[in-house]
């Protein structure tokens, strides 16, 4: 028998993030390195949805989470209009960006 390979703890550290642009459009995604992913969005090499709509700034993050939980949180945030409205309102009152969300989810 060959020993099973265990993943290192760093393999399960994903973050859910919400980025906003100046028009108030929200983009939700997951990443291991949120700052690097945000830089990709702003450089036009990130998700197709974000290309040409920047600059993007970070409005909210959650994590670290296992990948499966991060994907579940991403879907929940995308479906929750109240949560996204709260994040947008929090950014307007705190222009540096809100790192900690309302605890509604």
PDB file of N, CA and C in Angstrom:
ATOM      1  N   UNK A   1       0.829  -1.183   0.000  1.00  0.00           N
ATOM      2  CA  UNK A   1       0.000   0.000   0.000  1.00  0.00           C
ATOM      3  C   UNK A   1       0.872   1.245   0.000  1.00  0.00           C
ATOM      4  N   UNK A   2       0.452   2.198  -0.795  1.00  0.00           N
ATOM      5  CA  UNK A   2       1.162   3.471  -0.783  1.00  0.00           C
ATOM      6  C   UNK A   2       0.471   4.413   0.185  1.00  0.00           C
ATOM      7  N   UNK A   3       1.252   5.184   0.884  1.00  0.00           N
ATOM      8  CA  UNK A   3       0.641   6.113   1.840  1.00  0.00           C
ATOM      9  C   UNK A   3      -0.154   7.185   1.091  1.00  0.00           C
ATOM     10  N   UNK A   4      -1.278   7.566   1.670  1.00  0.00           N
ATOM     11  CA  UNK A   4      -2.090   8.604   1.028  1.00  0.00           C
ATOM     12  C   UNK A   4      -1.420   9.962   1.220  1.00  0.00           C
ATOM     13  N   UNK A   5      -1.561  10.757   0.203  1.00  0.00           N
ATOM     14  CA  UNK A   5      -0.972  12.094   0.273  1.00  0.00           C
ATOM     15  C   UNK A   5      -1.983  13.039   0.900  1.00  0.00           C
ATOM     16  N   UNK A   6      -1.537  13.756   1.890  1.00  0.00           N
ATOM     17  CA  UNK A   6      -2.397  14.750   2.514  1.00  0.00           C
ATOM     18  C   UNK A   6      -2.091  16.109   1.908  1.00  0.00           C
ATOM     19  N   UNK A   7      -3.134  16.873   1.732  1.00  0.00           N
ATOM     20  CA  UNK A   7      -2.940  18.244   1.255  1.00  0.00           C
ATOM     21  C   UNK A   7      -2.371  19.076   2.390  1.00  0.00           C
ATOM     22  N   UNK A   8      -1.529  20.005   2.037  1.00  0.00           N
ATOM     23  CA  UNK A   8      -1.037  20.908   3.065  1.00  0.00           C
ATOM     24  C   UNK A   8      -2.163  21.863   3.430  1.00  0.00           C
ATOM     25  N   UNK A   9      -2.078  22.464   4.590  1.00  0.00           N
ATOM     26  CA  UNK A   9      -3.148  23.348   5.048  1.00  0.00           C
ATOM     27  C   UNK A   9      -3.323  24.550   4.132  1.00  0.00           C
ATOM     28  N   UNK A  10      -2.310  24.932   3.398  1.00  0.00           N
ATOM     29  CA  UNK A  10      -2.404  26.063   2.489  1.00  0.00           C
ATOM     30  C   UNK A  10      -3.282  25.800   1.279  1.00  0.00           C
ATOM     31  N   UNK A  11      -3.537  24.517   0.964  1.00  0.00           N
ATOM     32  CA  UNK A  11      -4.371  24.184  -0.188  1.00  0.00           C
ATOM     33  C   UNK A  11      -5.833  24.524   0.039  1.00  0.00           C
ATOM     34  N   UNK A  12      -6.260  24.633   1.286  1.00  0.00           N
ATOM     35  CA  UNK A  12      -7.662  24.869   1.582  1.00  0.00           C
ATOM     36  C   UNK A  12      -7.946  26.308   1.997  1.00  0.00           C
ATOM     37  N   UNK A  13      -7.027  27.205   1.784  1.00  0.00           N
ATOM     38  CA  UNK A  13      -7.224  28.577   2.226  1.00  0.00           C
ATOM     39  C   UNK A  13      -7.671  29.458   1.074  1.00  0.00           C
ATOM     40  N   UNK A  14      -8.981  29.547   0.892  1.00  0.00           N
ATOM     41  CA  UNK A  14      -9.569  30.406  -0.125  1.00  0.00           C
ATOM     42  C   UNK A  14     -10.323  31.535   0.565  1.00  0.00           C
ATOM     43  N   UNK A  15     -10.446  32.636  -0.128  1.00  0.00           N
ATOM     44  CA  UNK A  15     -11.179  33.785   0.361  1.00  0.00           C
ATOM     45  C   UNK A  15     -12.286  34.120  -0.626  1.00  0.00           C
ATOM     46  N   UNK A  16     -13.425  34.506  -0.111  1.00  0.00           N
ATOM     47  CA  UNK A  16     -14.517  35.016  -0.931  1.00  0.00           C
ATOM     48  C   UNK A  16     -14.367  36.529  -0.904  1.00  0.00           C
ATOM     49  N   UNK A  17     -14.529  37.173  -2.057  1.00  0.00           N
ATOM     50  CA  UNK A  17     -14.390  38.623  -2.090  1.00  0.00           C
ATOM     51  C   UNK A  17     -15.472  39.250  -2.944  1.00  0.00           C
ATOM     52  N   UNK A  18     -15.794  40.496  -2.619  1.00  0.00           N
ATOM     53  CA  UNK A  18     -16.698  41.305  -3.422  1.00  0.00           C
ATOM     54  C   UNK A  18     -15.907  42.547  -3.826  1.00  0.00           C
ATOM     55  N   UNK A  19     -15.826  42.762  -5.129  1.00  0.00           N
ATOM     56  CA  UNK A  19     -15.150  43.946  -5.664  1.00  0.00           C
ATOM     57  C   UNK A  19     -16.212  44.857  -6.275  1.00  0.00           C
ATOM     58  N   UNK A  20     -16.009  46.141  -6.147  1.00  0.00           N
ATOM     59  CA  UNK A  20     -16.918  47.127  -6.719  1.00  0.00           C
ATOM     60  C   UNK A  20     -16.154  48.049  -7.657  1.00  0.00           C
ATOM     61  N   UNK A  21     -16.855  48.551  -8.670  1.00  0.00           N
ATOM     62  CA  UNK A  21     -16.244  49.569  -9.523  1.00  0.00           C
ATOM     63  C   UNK A  21     -16.921  50.908  -9.237  1.00  0.00           C
ATOM     64  N   UNK A  22     -16.506  51.954  -9.939  1.00  0.00           N
ATOM     65  CA  UNK A  22     -17.030  53.292  -9.666  1.00  0.00           C
ATOM     66  C   UNK A  22     -18.506  53.415 -10.017  1.00  0.00           C
ATOM     67  N   UNK A  23     -19.020  52.574 -10.903  1.00  0.00           N
ATOM     68  CA  UNK A  23     -20.430  52.607 -11.277  1.00  0.00           C
ATOM     69  C   UNK A  23     -21.300  51.861 -10.272  1.00  0.00           C
ATOM     70  N   UNK A  24     -20.684  51.240  -9.259  1.00  0.00           N
ATOM     71  CA  UNK A  24     -21.430  50.511  -8.249  1.00  0.00           C
ATOM     72  C   UNK A  24     -21.755  49.086  -8.635  1.00  0.00           C
ATOM     73  N   UNK A  25     -21.116  48.570  -9.671  1.00  0.00           N
ATOM     74  CA  UNK A  25     -21.313  47.183 -10.085  1.00  0.00           C
ATOM     75  C   UNK A  25     -20.463  46.292  -9.189  1.00  0.00           C
ATOM     76  N   UNK A  26     -21.080  45.221  -8.696  1.00  0.00           N
ATOM     77  CA  UNK A  26     -20.381  44.296  -7.801  1.00  0.00           C
ATOM     78  C   UNK A  26     -19.970  43.040  -8.558  1.00  0.00           C
ATOM     79  N   UNK A  27     -18.783  42.551  -8.238  1.00  0.00           N
ATOM     80  CA  UNK A  27     -18.304  41.265  -8.758  1.00  0.00           C
ATOM     81  C   UNK A  27     -17.896  40.423  -7.558  1.00  0.00           C
ATOM     82  N   UNK A  28     -18.395  39.205  -7.480  1.00  0.00           N
ATOM     83  CA  UNK A  28     -18.083  38.294  -6.383  1.00  0.00           C
ATOM     84  C   UNK A  28     -17.287  37.121  -6.918  1.00  0.00           C
ATOM     85  N   UNK A  29     -16.226  36.740  -6.210  1.00  0.00           N
ATOM     86  CA  UNK A  29     -15.401  35.619  -6.635  1.00  0.00           C
ATOM     87  C   UNK A  29     -14.666  35.006  -5.455  1.00  0.00           C
ATOM     88  N   UNK A  30     -13.869  33.966  -5.740  1.00  0.00           N
ATOM     89  CA  UNK A  30     -13.011  33.369  -4.719  1.00  0.00           C
ATOM     90  C   UNK A  30     -11.578  33.371  -5.235  1.00  0.00           C
ATOM     91  N   UNK A  31     -10.641  33.424  -4.308  1.00  0.00           N
ATOM     92  CA  UNK A  31      -9.226  33.423  -4.671  1.00  0.00           C
ATOM     93  C   UNK A  31      -8.393  33.036  -3.454  1.00  0.00           C
ATOM     94  N   UNK A  32      -7.218  32.521  -3.725  1.00  0.00           N
ATOM     95  CA  UNK A  32      -6.271  32.259  -2.639  1.00  0.00           C
ATOM     96  C   UNK A  32      -5.580  33.554  -2.225  1.00  0.00           C
ATOM     97  N   UNK A  33      -5.278  34.401  -3.201  1.00  0.00           N
ATOM     98  CA  UNK A  33      -4.626  35.684  -2.942  1.00  0.00           C
ATOM     99  C   UNK A  33      -5.513  36.775  -3.525  1.00  0.00           C
ATOM    100  N   UNK A  34      -6.313  37.396  -2.683  1.00  0.00           N
ATOM    101  CA  UNK A  34      -7.303  38.365  -3.140  1.00  0.00           C
ATOM    102  C   UNK A  34      -6.647  39.589  -3.762  1.00  0.00           C
ATOM    103  N   UNK A  35      -5.575  40.070  -3.183  1.00  0.00           N
ATOM    104  CA  UNK A  35      -4.916  41.276  -3.725  1.00  0.00           C
ATOM    105  C   UNK A  35      -4.377  41.011  -5.129  1.00  0.00           C
ATOM    106  N   UNK A  36      -3.783  39.839  -5.338  1.00  0.00           N
ATOM    107  CA  UNK A  36      -3.270  39.491  -6.669  1.00  0.00           C
ATOM    108  C   UNK A  36      -4.419  39.341  -7.659  1.00  0.00           C
ATOM    109  N   UNK A  37      -5.519  38.746  -7.222  1.00  0.00           N
ATOM    110  CA  UNK A  37      -6.671  38.571  -8.106  1.00  0.00           C
ATOM    111  C   UNK A  37      -7.288  39.917  -8.470  1.00  0.00           C
ATOM    112  N   UNK A  38      -7.361  40.825  -7.523  1.00  0.00           N
ATOM    113  CA  UNK A  38      -7.874  42.169  -7.793  1.00  0.00           C
ATOM    114  C   UNK A  38      -6.977  42.894  -8.802  1.00  0.00           C
ATOM    115  N   UNK A  39      -5.685  42.705  -8.676  1.00  0.00           N
ATOM    116  CA  UNK A  39      -4.748  43.292  -9.644  1.00  0.00           C
ATOM    117  C   UNK A  39      -4.991  42.727 -11.040  1.00  0.00           C
ATOM    118  N   UNK A  40      -5.315  41.418 -11.131  1.00  0.00           N
ATOM    119  CA  UNK A  40      -5.630  40.824 -12.429  1.00  0.00           C
ATOM    120  C   UNK A  40      -6.889  41.456 -13.018  1.00  0.00           C
ATOM    121  N   UNK A  41      -7.904  41.650 -12.194  1.00  0.00           N
ATOM    122  CA  UNK A  41      -9.131  42.289 -12.682  1.00  0.00           C
ATOM    123  C   UNK A  41      -8.832  43.686 -13.209  1.00  0.00           C
ATOM    124  N   UNK A  42      -8.041  44.434 -12.478  1.00  0.00           N
ATOM    125  CA  UNK A  42      -7.727  45.806 -12.885  1.00  0.00           C
ATOM    126  C   UNK A  42      -6.819  45.869 -14.105  1.00  0.00           C
ATOM    127  N   UNK A  43      -6.038  44.821 -14.336  1.00  0.00           N
ATOM    128  CA  UNK A  43      -5.157  44.775 -15.499  1.00  0.00           C
ATOM    129  C   UNK A  43      -5.879  44.257 -16.742  1.00  0.00           C
ATOM    130  N   UNK A  44      -7.121  43.811 -16.574  1.00  0.00           N
ATOM    131  CA  UNK A  44      -7.872  43.290 -17.711  1.00  0.00           C
ATOM    132  C   UNK A  44      -7.595  41.832 -18.011  1.00  0.00           C
ATOM    133  N   UNK A  45      -6.917  41.137 -17.103  1.00  0.00           N
ATOM    134  CA  UNK A  45      -6.605  39.718 -17.311  1.00  0.00           C
ATOM    135  C   UNK A  45      -7.389  38.816 -16.364  1.00  0.00           C
ATOM    136  N   UNK A  46      -8.342  39.387 -15.621  1.00  0.00           N
ATOM    137  CA  UNK A  46      -9.155  38.606 -14.704  1.00  0.00           C
ATOM    138  C   UNK A  46     -10.354  38.035 -15.433  1.00  0.00           C
ATOM    139  N   UNK A  47     -11.444  37.911 -14.741  1.00  0.00           N
ATOM    140  CA  UNK A  47     -12.677  37.372 -15.321  1.00  0.00           C
ATOM    141  C   UNK A  47     -13.173  38.253 -16.460  1.00  0.00           C
ATOM    142  N   UNK A  48     -13.776  37.643 -17.441  1.00  0.00           N
ATOM    143  CA  UNK A  48     -14.280  38.381 -18.605  1.00  0.00           C
ATOM    144  C   UNK A  48     -15.263  39.477 -18.182  1.00  0.00           C
ATOM    145  N   UNK A  49     -16.086  39.210 -17.181  1.00  0.00           N
ATOM    146  CA  UNK A  49     -17.073  40.179 -16.710  1.00  0.00           C
ATOM    147  C   UNK A  49     -16.429  41.483 -16.262  1.00  0.00           C
ATOM    148  N   UNK A  50     -15.240  41.408 -15.673  1.00  0.00           N
ATOM    149  CA  UNK A  50     -14.617  42.610 -15.108  1.00  0.00           C
ATOM    150  C   UNK A  50     -13.817  43.407 -16.127  1.00  0.00           C
ATOM    151  N   UNK A  51     -13.550  42.836 -17.288  1.00  0.00           N
ATOM    152  CA  UNK A  51     -12.716  43.525 -18.287  1.00  0.00           C
ATOM    153  C   UNK A  51     -13.429  44.757 -18.832  1.00  0.00           C
ATOM    154  N   UNK A  52     -12.724  45.863 -18.827  1.00  0.00           N
ATOM    155  CA  UNK A  52     -13.268  47.098 -19.362  1.00  0.00           C
ATOM    156  C   UNK A  52     -14.242  47.806 -18.436  1.00  0.00           C
ATOM    157  N   UNK A  53     -14.440  47.281 -17.234  1.00  0.00           N
ATOM    158  CA  UNK A  53     -15.374  47.892 -16.292  1.00  0.00           C
ATOM    159  C   UNK A  53     -14.683  48.445 -15.057  1.00  0.00           C
ATOM    160  N   UNK A  54     -13.381  48.407 -15.013  1.00  0.00           N
ATOM    161  CA  UNK A  54     -12.631  48.834 -13.834  1.00  0.00           C
ATOM    162  C   UNK A  54     -12.491  50.328 -13.777  1.00  0.00           C
ATOM    163  N   UNK A  55     -11.771  50.839 -12.822  1.00  0.00           N
ATOM    164  CA  UNK A  55     -10.993  50.086 -11.829  1.00  0.00           C
ATOM    165  C   UNK A  55     -11.881  49.495 -10.736  1.00  0.00           C
ATOM    166  N   UNK A  56     -11.434  48.367 -10.227  1.00  0.00           N
ATOM    167  CA  UNK A  56     -12.142  47.647  -9.183  1.00  0.00           C
ATOM    168  C   UNK A  56     -11.456  47.890  -7.850  1.00  0.00           C
ATOM    169  N   UNK A  57     -12.231  47.975  -6.779  1.00  0.00           N
ATOM    170  CA  UNK A  57     -11.653  48.046  -5.437  1.00  0.00           C
ATOM    171  C   UNK A  57     -12.345  47.023  -4.551  1.00  0.00           C
ATOM    172  N   UNK A  58     -11.623  46.556  -3.578  1.00  0.00           N
ATOM    173  CA  UNK A  58     -12.105  45.523  -2.682  1.00  0.00           C
ATOM    174  C   UNK A  58     -13.111  46.114  -1.699  1.00  0.00           C
ATOM    175  N   UNK A  59     -14.303  45.523  -1.646  1.00  0.00           N
ATOM    176  CA  UNK A  59     -15.347  46.014  -0.750  1.00  0.00           C
ATOM    177  C   UNK A  59     -15.593  45.065   0.425  1.00  0.00           C
ATOM    178  N   UNK A  60     -15.272  43.777   0.255  1.00  0.00           N
ATOM    179  CA  UNK A  60     -15.586  42.802   1.289  1.00  0.00           C
ATOM    180  C   UNK A  60     -14.773  41.525   1.072  1.00  0.00           C
ATOM    181  N   UNK A  61     -14.336  40.912   2.162  1.00  0.00           N
ATOM    182  CA  UNK A  61     -13.676  39.602   2.091  1.00  0.00           C
ATOM    183  C   UNK A  61     -14.173  38.722   3.225  1.00  0.00           C
ATOM    184  N   UNK A  62     -14.149  37.412   2.992  1.00  0.00           N
ATOM    185  CA  UNK A  62     -14.423  36.414   4.022  1.00  0.00           C
ATOM    186  C   UNK A  62     -13.420  35.294   3.857  1.00  0.00           C
ATOM    187  N   UNK A  63     -12.957  34.755   4.954  1.00  0.00           N
ATOM    188  CA  UNK A  63     -12.049  33.623   4.861  1.00  0.00           C
ATOM    189  C   UNK A  63     -10.940  33.730   5.872  1.00  0.00           C
ATOM    190  N   UNK A  64     -10.048  32.772   5.860  1.00  0.00           N
ATOM    191  CA  UNK A  64      -9.869  31.674   4.918  1.00  0.00           C
ATOM    192  C   UNK A  64     -10.893  30.562   5.136  1.00  0.00           C
ATOM    193  N   UNK A  65     -11.243  29.923   4.026  1.00  0.00           N
ATOM    194  CA  UNK A  65     -12.231  28.853   4.027  1.00  0.00           C
ATOM    195  C   UNK A  65     -11.738  27.714   3.137  1.00  0.00           C
ATOM    196  N   UNK A  66     -12.212  26.503   3.387  1.00  0.00           N
ATOM    197  CA  UNK A  66     -11.948  25.425   2.428  1.00  0.00           C
ATOM    198  C   UNK A  66     -12.605  25.784   1.096  1.00  0.00           C
ATOM    199  N   UNK A  67     -12.079  25.278   0.004  1.00  0.00           N
ATOM    200  CA  UNK A  67     -12.567  25.642  -1.328  1.00  0.00           C
ATOM    201  C   UNK A  67     -14.067  25.404  -1.473  1.00  0.00           C
ATOM    202  N   UNK A  68     -14.556  24.262  -1.008  1.00  0.00           N
ATOM    203  CA  UNK A  68     -15.982  23.951  -1.154  1.00  0.00           C
ATOM    204  C   UNK A  68     -16.854  24.956  -0.405  1.00  0.00           C
ATOM    205  N   UNK A  69     -16.429  25.338   0.791  1.00  0.00           N
ATOM    206  CA  UNK A  69     -17.189  26.321   1.563  1.00  0.00           C
ATOM    207  C   UNK A  69     -17.105  27.700   0.910  1.00  0.00           C
ATOM    208  N   UNK A  70     -15.951  28.051   0.363  1.00  0.00           N
ATOM    209  CA  UNK A  70     -15.809  29.337  -0.324  1.00  0.00           C
ATOM    210  C   UNK A  70     -16.741  29.399  -1.536  1.00  0.00           C
ATOM    211  N   UNK A  71     -16.850  28.309  -2.276  1.00  0.00           N
ATOM    212  CA  UNK A  71     -17.769  28.277  -3.424  1.00  0.00           C
ATOM    213  C   UNK A  71     -19.218  28.422  -2.974  1.00  0.00           C
ATOM    214  N   UNK A  72     -19.576  27.775  -1.863  1.00  0.00           N
ATOM    215  CA  UNK A  72     -20.938  27.905  -1.339  1.00  0.00           C
ATOM    216  C   UNK A  72     -21.226  29.340  -0.918  1.00  0.00           C
ATOM    217  N   UNK A  73     -20.261  29.965  -0.261  1.00  0.00           N
ATOM    218  CA  UNK A  73     -20.429  31.361   0.187  1.00  0.00           C
ATOM    219  C   UNK A  73     -20.546  32.293  -1.015  1.00  0.00           C
ATOM    220  N   UNK A  74     -19.748  32.050  -2.045  1.00  0.00           N
ATOM    221  CA  UNK A  74     -19.811  32.873  -3.260  1.00  0.00           C
ATOM    222  C   UNK A  74     -21.220  32.822  -3.856  1.00  0.00           C
ATOM    223  N   UNK A  75     -21.785  31.643  -3.977  1.00  0.00           N
ATOM    224  CA  UNK A  75     -23.129  31.495  -4.541  1.00  0.00           C
ATOM    225  C   UNK A  75     -24.162  32.178  -3.648  1.00  0.00           C
ATOM    226  N   UNK A  76     -24.033  32.015  -2.333  1.00  0.00           N
ATOM    227  CA  UNK A  76     -24.981  32.644  -1.406  1.00  0.00           C
ATOM    228  C   UNK A  76     -24.930  34.163  -1.514  1.00  0.00           C
ATOM    229  N   UNK A  77     -23.725  34.721  -1.618  1.00  0.00           N
ATOM    230  CA  UNK A  77     -23.586  36.172  -1.732  1.00  0.00           C
ATOM    231  C   UNK A  77     -24.178  36.662  -3.047  1.00  0.00           C
ATOM    232  N   UNK A  78     -23.942  35.931  -4.129  1.00  0.00           N
ATOM    233  CA  UNK A  78     -24.485  36.334  -5.422  1.00  0.00           C
ATOM    234  C   UNK A  78     -26.012  36.357  -5.414  1.00  0.00           C
ATOM    235  N   UNK A  79     -26.638  35.488  -4.641  1.00  0.00           N
ATOM    236  CA  UNK A  79     -28.098  35.419  -4.580  1.00  0.00           C
ATOM    237  C   UNK A  79     -28.703  36.423  -3.596  1.00  0.00           C
ATOM    238  N   UNK A  80     -27.911  36.930  -2.661  1.00  0.00           N
ATOM    239  CA  UNK A  80     -28.427  37.770  -1.582  1.00  0.00           C
ATOM    240  C   UNK A  80     -28.334  39.255  -1.934  1.00  0.00           C
ATOM    241  N   UNK A  81     -29.428  39.804  -2.422  1.00  0.00           N
ATOM    242  CA  UNK A  81     -29.436  41.219  -2.821  1.00  0.00           C
ATOM    243  C   UNK A  81     -29.270  42.152  -1.630  1.00  0.00           C
ATOM    244  N   UNK A  82     -29.831  41.791  -0.495  1.00  0.00           N
ATOM    245  CA  UNK A  82     -29.700  42.634   0.703  1.00  0.00           C
ATOM    246  C   UNK A  82     -28.244  42.736   1.139  1.00  0.00           C
ATOM    247  N   UNK A  83     -27.570  41.617   1.098  1.00  0.00           N
ATOM    248  CA  UNK A  83     -26.166  41.612   1.508  1.00  0.00           C
ATOM    249  C   UNK A  83     -25.336  42.499   0.590  1.00  0.00           C
ATOM    250  N   UNK A  84     -25.534  42.352  -0.738  1.00  0.00           N
ATOM    251  CA  UNK A  84     -24.773  43.181  -1.680  1.00  0.00           C
ATOM    252  C   UNK A  84     -25.113  44.655  -1.503  1.00  0.00           C
ATOM    253  N   UNK A  85     -26.383  44.975  -1.226  1.00  0.00           N
ATOM    254  CA  UNK A  85     -26.768  46.368  -0.985  1.00  0.00           C
ATOM    255  C   UNK A  85     -26.083  46.903   0.274  1.00  0.00           C
ATOM    256  N   UNK A  86     -25.987  46.060   1.310  1.00  0.00           N
ATOM    257  CA  UNK A  86     -25.313  46.469   2.543  1.00  0.00           C
ATOM    258  C   UNK A  86     -23.833  46.700   2.304  1.00  0.00           C
ATOM    259  N   UNK A  87     -23.207  45.841   1.493  1.00  0.00           N
ATOM    260  CA  UNK A  87     -21.788  46.018   1.175  1.00  0.00           C
ATOM    261  C   UNK A  87     -21.598  47.322   0.409  1.00  0.00           C
ATOM    262  N   UNK A  88     -22.462  47.582  -0.579  1.00  0.00           N
ATOM    263  CA  UNK A  88     -22.360  48.826  -1.353  1.00  0.00           C
ATOM    264  C   UNK A  88     -22.571  50.039  -0.459  1.00  0.00           C
ATOM    265  N   UNK A  89     -23.548  49.986   0.442  1.00  0.00           N
ATOM    266  CA  UNK A  89     -23.807  51.095   1.358  1.00  0.00           C
ATOM    267  C   UNK A  89     -22.636  51.296   2.315  1.00  0.00           C
ATOM    268  N   UNK A  90     -22.037  50.183   2.762  1.00  0.00           N
ATOM    269  CA  UNK A  90     -20.889  50.280   3.658  1.00  0.00           C
ATOM    270  C   UNK A  90     -19.700  50.930   2.991  1.00  0.00           C
ATOM    271  N   UNK A  91     -19.515  50.694   1.705  1.00  0.00           N
ATOM    272  CA  UNK A  91     -18.402  51.295   0.973  1.00  0.00           C
ATOM    273  C   UNK A  91     -18.643  52.791   0.796  1.00  0.00           C
ATOM    274  N   UNK A  92     -19.898  53.188   0.566  1.00  0.00           N
ATOM    275  CA  UNK A  92     -20.193  54.614   0.418  1.00  0.00           C
ATOM    276  C   UNK A  92     -19.921  55.355   1.705  1.00  0.00           C
ATOM    277  N   UNK A  93     -20.249  54.736   2.862  1.00  0.00           N
ATOM    278  CA  UNK A  93     -20.006  55.401   4.136  1.00  0.00           C
ATOM    279  C   UNK A  93     -18.570  55.222   4.607  1.00  0.00           C
ATOM    280  N   UNK A  94     -17.853  54.254   4.027  1.00  0.00           N
ATOM    281  CA  UNK A  94     -16.466  53.983   4.382  1.00  0.00           C
ATOM    282  C   UNK A  94     -15.687  53.815   3.075  1.00  0.00           C
ATOM    283  N   UNK A  95     -15.253  54.925   2.440  1.00  0.00           N
ATOM    284  CA  UNK A  95     -14.655  54.837   1.116  1.00  0.00           C
ATOM    285  C   UNK A  95     -13.395  53.990   1.018  1.00  0.00           C
ATOM    286  N   UNK A  96     -12.795  53.624   2.134  1.00  0.00           N
ATOM    287  CA  UNK A  96     -11.609  52.768   2.069  1.00  0.00           C
ATOM    288  C   UNK A  96     -11.984  51.319   1.860  1.00  0.00           C
ATOM    289  N   UNK A  97     -13.268  51.000   1.942  1.00  0.00           N
ATOM    290  CA  UNK A  97     -13.716  49.619   1.735  1.00  0.00           C
ATOM    291  C   UNK A  97     -13.979  48.926   3.049  1.00  0.00           C
ATOM    292  N   UNK A  98     -15.029  48.164   3.098  1.00  0.00           N
ATOM    293  CA  UNK A  98     -15.413  47.447   4.303  1.00  0.00           C
ATOM    294  C   UNK A  98     -14.895  46.026   4.236  1.00  0.00           C
ATOM    295  N   UNK A  99     -14.011  45.676   5.131  1.00  0.00           N
ATOM    296  CA  UNK A  99     -13.422  44.337   5.127  1.00  0.00           C
ATOM    297  C   UNK A  99     -14.289  43.347   5.876  1.00  0.00           C
ATOM    298  N   UNK A 100     -15.054  43.807   6.846  1.00  0.00           N
ATOM    299  CA  UNK A 100     -15.871  42.903   7.627  1.00  0.00           C
ATOM    300  C   UNK A 100     -17.336  43.116   7.275  1.00  0.00           C
ATOM    301  N   UNK A 101     -18.029  42.053   6.882  1.00  0.00           N
ATOM    302  CA  UNK A 101     -19.400  42.187   6.398  1.00  0.00           C
ATOM    303  C   UNK A 101     -20.421  42.285   7.515  1.00  0.00           C
ATOM    304  N   UNK A 102     -21.633  42.661   7.155  1.00  0.00           N
ATOM    305  CA  UNK A 102     -22.727  42.457   8.103  1.00  0.00           C
ATOM    306  C   UNK A 102     -22.860  40.954   8.347  1.00  0.00           C
ATOM    307  N   UNK A 103     -23.215  40.545   9.504  1.00  0.00           N
ATOM    308  CA  UNK A 103     -23.246  39.121   9.856  1.00  0.00           C
ATOM    309  C   UNK A 103     -24.562  38.456   9.452  1.00  0.00           C
ATOM    310  N   UNK A 104     -25.148  38.894   8.354  1.00  0.00           N
ATOM    311  CA  UNK A 104     -26.437  38.334   7.939  1.00  0.00           C
ATOM    312  C   UNK A 104     -26.316  36.955   7.338  1.00  0.00           C
ATOM    313  N   UNK A 105     -25.163  36.572   6.845  1.00  0.00           N
ATOM    314  CA  UNK A 105     -25.021  35.247   6.218  1.00  0.00           C
ATOM    315  C   UNK A 105     -24.124  34.368   7.018  1.00  0.00           C
TER     316      UNK A 105
END
